[in-house]
Amino acid sequence: MKQPFENVVARHGTTVLRVCRVVLGPHDADDAWSETFLSAMRAYPDLPGTANVEAWLVTIAHRKAIDVLRAAQRNPLPVDEVPEGPTGRGIPDAGDCDLWAAVKDLPHKQRQAVAYRYVAGLAYAEIAEILGGSADAARRAAADGLRNLRKTYPGAITKGASS
């Protein structure tokens, strides 16, 4: 028997929000998170009881993130005032702005593979389903992402993190 949807949100909400933040940044993550769970709530009754709910939610979040990125490319975001410095709003370990900048500068597919593997903890086969391609390609994108992070942010990512 499937658990109530409220339990799904409570159990997986944090992981989905983290993935949205890594892929989109803190400003657009909340909207993508909300859209993810609105879509999931509509589709949840038809989800098989044996489905991997977390991977299913990350897949929805991935699609919502793509929607946000596409919309952002079409619409400029005016601001009244430029902030004086970086903000830690909604970013774990916000004091490490250099790391988040390095993650943001990764190529899009590498950033997604790193987020889905190391933030959401998904298997490479599940990442391949989300991104398209093979599990080997997902593994390569995550490995390339970590390698690039090691180059641009030395000391933050240890060799043991790639296991």
Protein backbone atom coordinates (compact mmCIF):
# COMPACT_ATOMS: atom_id res chain seq x y z
CA MET A 1 0.00 0.00 0.00
CA LYS A 2 1.28 3.43 -0.90
CA GLN A 3 1.93 5.92 1.84
CA PRO A 4 -0.06 9.16 2.01
CA PHE A 5 1.30 11.93 -0.19
CA GLU A 6 2.00 14.12 2.85
CA ASN A 7 4.49 11.48 4.01
CA VAL A 8 6.16 11.53 0.58
CA VAL A 9 6.63 15.29 0.84
CA ALA A 10 7.96 15.01 4.40
CA ARG A 11 10.38 12.22 3.48
CA HIS A 12 11.71 13.50 0.16
CA GLY A 13 11.04 17.24 0.24
CA THR A 14 14.48 18.17 1.56
CA THR A 15 16.31 16.12 -1.05
CA VAL A 16 14.23 17.56 -3.88
CA LEU A 17 14.84 21.10 -2.60
CA ARG A 18 18.59 20.49 -2.40
CA VAL A 19 18.63 19.18 -5.96
CA CYS A 20 16.65 22.21 -7.15
CA ARG A 21 19.07 24.54 -5.36
CA VAL A 22 22.14 22.92 -6.86
CA VAL A 23 20.70 22.87 -10.38
CA LEU A 24 19.00 26.29 -10.31
CA GLY A 25 20.49 28.27 -7.45
CA PRO A 26 18.64 29.53 -4.38
CA HIS A 27 16.40 32.08 -6.09
CA ASP A 28 14.56 29.76 -8.45
CA ALA A 29 14.72 26.58 -6.37
CA ASP A 30 11.63 27.24 -4.26
CA ASP A 31 9.42 27.70 -7.30
CA ALA A 32 10.76 24.54 -8.94
CA TRP A 33 10.26 22.63 -5.68
CA SER A 34 6.64 23.79 -5.44
CA GLU A 35 5.95 22.95 -9.07
CA THR A 36 7.55 19.54 -8.59
CA PHE A 37 5.26 18.61 -5.74
CA LEU A 38 2.16 20.05 -7.43
CA SER A 39 2.84 17.85 -10.45
CA ALA A 40 3.71 14.89 -8.26
CA MET A 41 0.51 15.27 -6.25
CA ARG A 42 -1.55 15.08 -9.44
CA ALA A 43 0.31 12.02 -10.74
CA TYR A 44 0.80 10.20 -7.42
CA PRO A 45 -2.44 8.19 -7.51
CA ASP A 46 -1.29 6.51 -10.75
CA LEU A 47 2.26 5.80 -9.53
CA PRO A 48 2.88 2.08 -9.07
CA GLY A 49 3.43 1.04 -5.47
CA THR A 50 6.80 -0.46 -6.40
CA ALA A 51 8.18 2.73 -7.96
CA ASN A 52 11.29 4.46 -6.61
CA VAL A 53 9.52 7.56 -5.33
CA GLU A 54 12.70 9.57 -4.77
CA ALA A 55 13.98 8.98 -8.31
CA TRP A 56 10.50 9.77 -9.64
CA LEU A 57 10.46 13.08 -7.74
CA VAL A 58 13.99 14.00 -8.87
CA THR A 59 12.91 13.31 -12.46
CA ILE A 60 9.97 15.68 -12.05
CA ALA A 61 12.26 18.25 -10.40
CA HIS A 62 14.68 17.92 -13.33
CA ARG A 63 11.89 18.71 -15.78
CA LYS A 64 10.68 21.64 -13.69
CA ALA A 65 14.25 22.95 -13.49
CA ILE A 66 14.49 22.82 -17.29
CA ASP A 67 11.23 24.81 -17.48
CA VAL A 68 12.64 27.42 -15.09
CA LEU A 69 15.91 27.66 -17.05
CA ARG A 70 14.05 28.07 -20.33
CA ALA A 71 11.82 30.76 -18.87
CA ALA A 72 14.83 32.57 -17.41
CA GLN A 73 16.47 32.69 -20.82
CA ARG A 74 13.42 34.45 -22.24
CA ASN A 75 12.77 36.89 -19.40
CA PRO A 76 15.19 39.41 -17.92
CA LEU A 77 15.05 39.77 -14.17
CA PRO A 78 15.09 43.43 -13.16
CA VAL A 79 16.18 44.35 -9.65
CA ASP A 80 15.66 47.58 -7.73
CA GLU A 81 19.01 47.42 -6.03
CA VAL A 82 22.11 45.30 -6.46
CA PRO A 83 22.99 43.50 -3.21
CA GLU A 84 26.24 44.51 -1.58
CA GLY A 85 27.50 40.97 -1.26
CA PRO A 86 26.58 37.36 -1.73
CA THR A 87 23.70 36.08 0.32
CA GLY A 88 23.47 32.76 2.10
CA ARG A 89 19.71 32.53 1.61
CA GLY A 90 18.77 28.89 1.42
CA ILE A 91 22.26 27.57 0.74
CA PRO A 92 23.73 25.01 3.11
CA ASP A 93 27.19 26.06 4.27
CA ALA A 94 26.55 29.49 2.75
CA GLY A 95 29.87 30.78 4.02
CA ASP A 96 31.54 28.90 1.19
CA CYS A 97 30.43 31.07 -1.73
CA ASP A 98 33.48 30.05 -3.78
CA LEU A 99 32.33 26.42 -3.83
CA TRP A 100 28.83 27.37 -4.97
CA ALA A 101 30.31 29.60 -7.66
CA ALA A 102 32.48 26.69 -8.83
CA VAL A 103 29.43 24.39 -8.95
CA LYS A 104 27.46 27.04 -10.84
CA ASP A 105 30.25 27.31 -13.42
CA LEU A 106 30.18 23.60 -14.26
CA PRO A 107 28.71 22.68 -17.63
CA HIS A 108 24.98 22.09 -17.23
CA LYS A 109 25.00 18.29 -17.62
CA GLN A 110 27.93 17.91 -15.21
CA ARG A 111 26.21 20.10 -12.63
CA GLN A 112 23.04 18.04 -12.92
CA ALA A 113 24.92 14.73 -12.69
CA VAL A 114 26.81 15.94 -9.60
CA ALA A 115 23.57 17.15 -8.00
CA TYR A 116 21.64 13.98 -8.71
CA ARG A 117 24.48 11.70 -7.63
CA TYR A 118 25.99 13.50 -4.63
CA VAL A 119 23.04 15.54 -3.36
CA ALA A 120 20.13 13.23 -4.16
CA GLY A 121 22.17 10.01 -3.93
CA LEU A 122 20.69 8.51 -7.09
CA ALA A 123 22.26 5.58 -8.89
CA TYR A 124 23.84 6.24 -12.27
CA ALA A 125 21.07 4.27 -14.01
CA GLU A 126 18.48 6.56 -12.44
CA ILE A 127 20.48 9.64 -13.44
CA ALA A 128 20.66 8.29 -17.00
CA GLU A 129 16.86 7.99 -17.06
CA ILE A 130 16.54 11.63 -16.00
CA LEU A 131 19.22 13.11 -18.27
CA GLY A 132 18.92 10.69 -21.14
CA GLY A 133 21.77 8.50 -22.28
CA SER A 134 23.45 5.60 -20.55
CA ALA A 135 24.52 4.93 -16.98
CA ASP A 136 28.12 5.11 -18.21
CA ALA A 137 27.49 8.59 -19.64
CA ALA A 138 25.94 9.69 -16.34
CA ARG A 139 28.94 8.29 -14.45
CA ARG A 140 31.29 10.12 -16.83
CA ALA A 141 29.41 13.43 -16.43
CA ALA A 142 29.54 13.14 -12.62
CA ALA A 143 33.23 12.22 -12.70
CA ASP A 144 34.01 15.08 -15.07
CA GLY A 145 32.05 17.43 -12.82
CA LEU A 146 34.06 16.38 -9.77
CA ARG A 147 37.31 16.66 -11.73
CA ASN A 148 36.39 20.19 -12.79
CA LEU A 149 35.45 21.09 -9.21
CA ARG A 150 38.82 19.80 -8.02
CA LYS A 151 40.52 22.08 -10.54
CA THR A 152 38.49 25.20 -9.77
CA TYR A 153 37.97 24.60 -6.05
CA PRO A 154 41.00 22.68 -4.76
CA GLY A 155 40.72 21.04 -1.35
CA ALA A 156 36.92 21.07 -1.15
CA ILE A 157 36.32 17.76 -2.92
CA THR A 158 38.48 14.86 -1.79
CA LYS A 159 39.28 11.85 -3.89
CA GLY A 160 37.14 9.69 -1.58
CA ALA A 161 34.02 11.64 -2.54
CA SER A 162 33.90 10.02 -5.98
CA SER A 163 33.02 6.58 -4.68
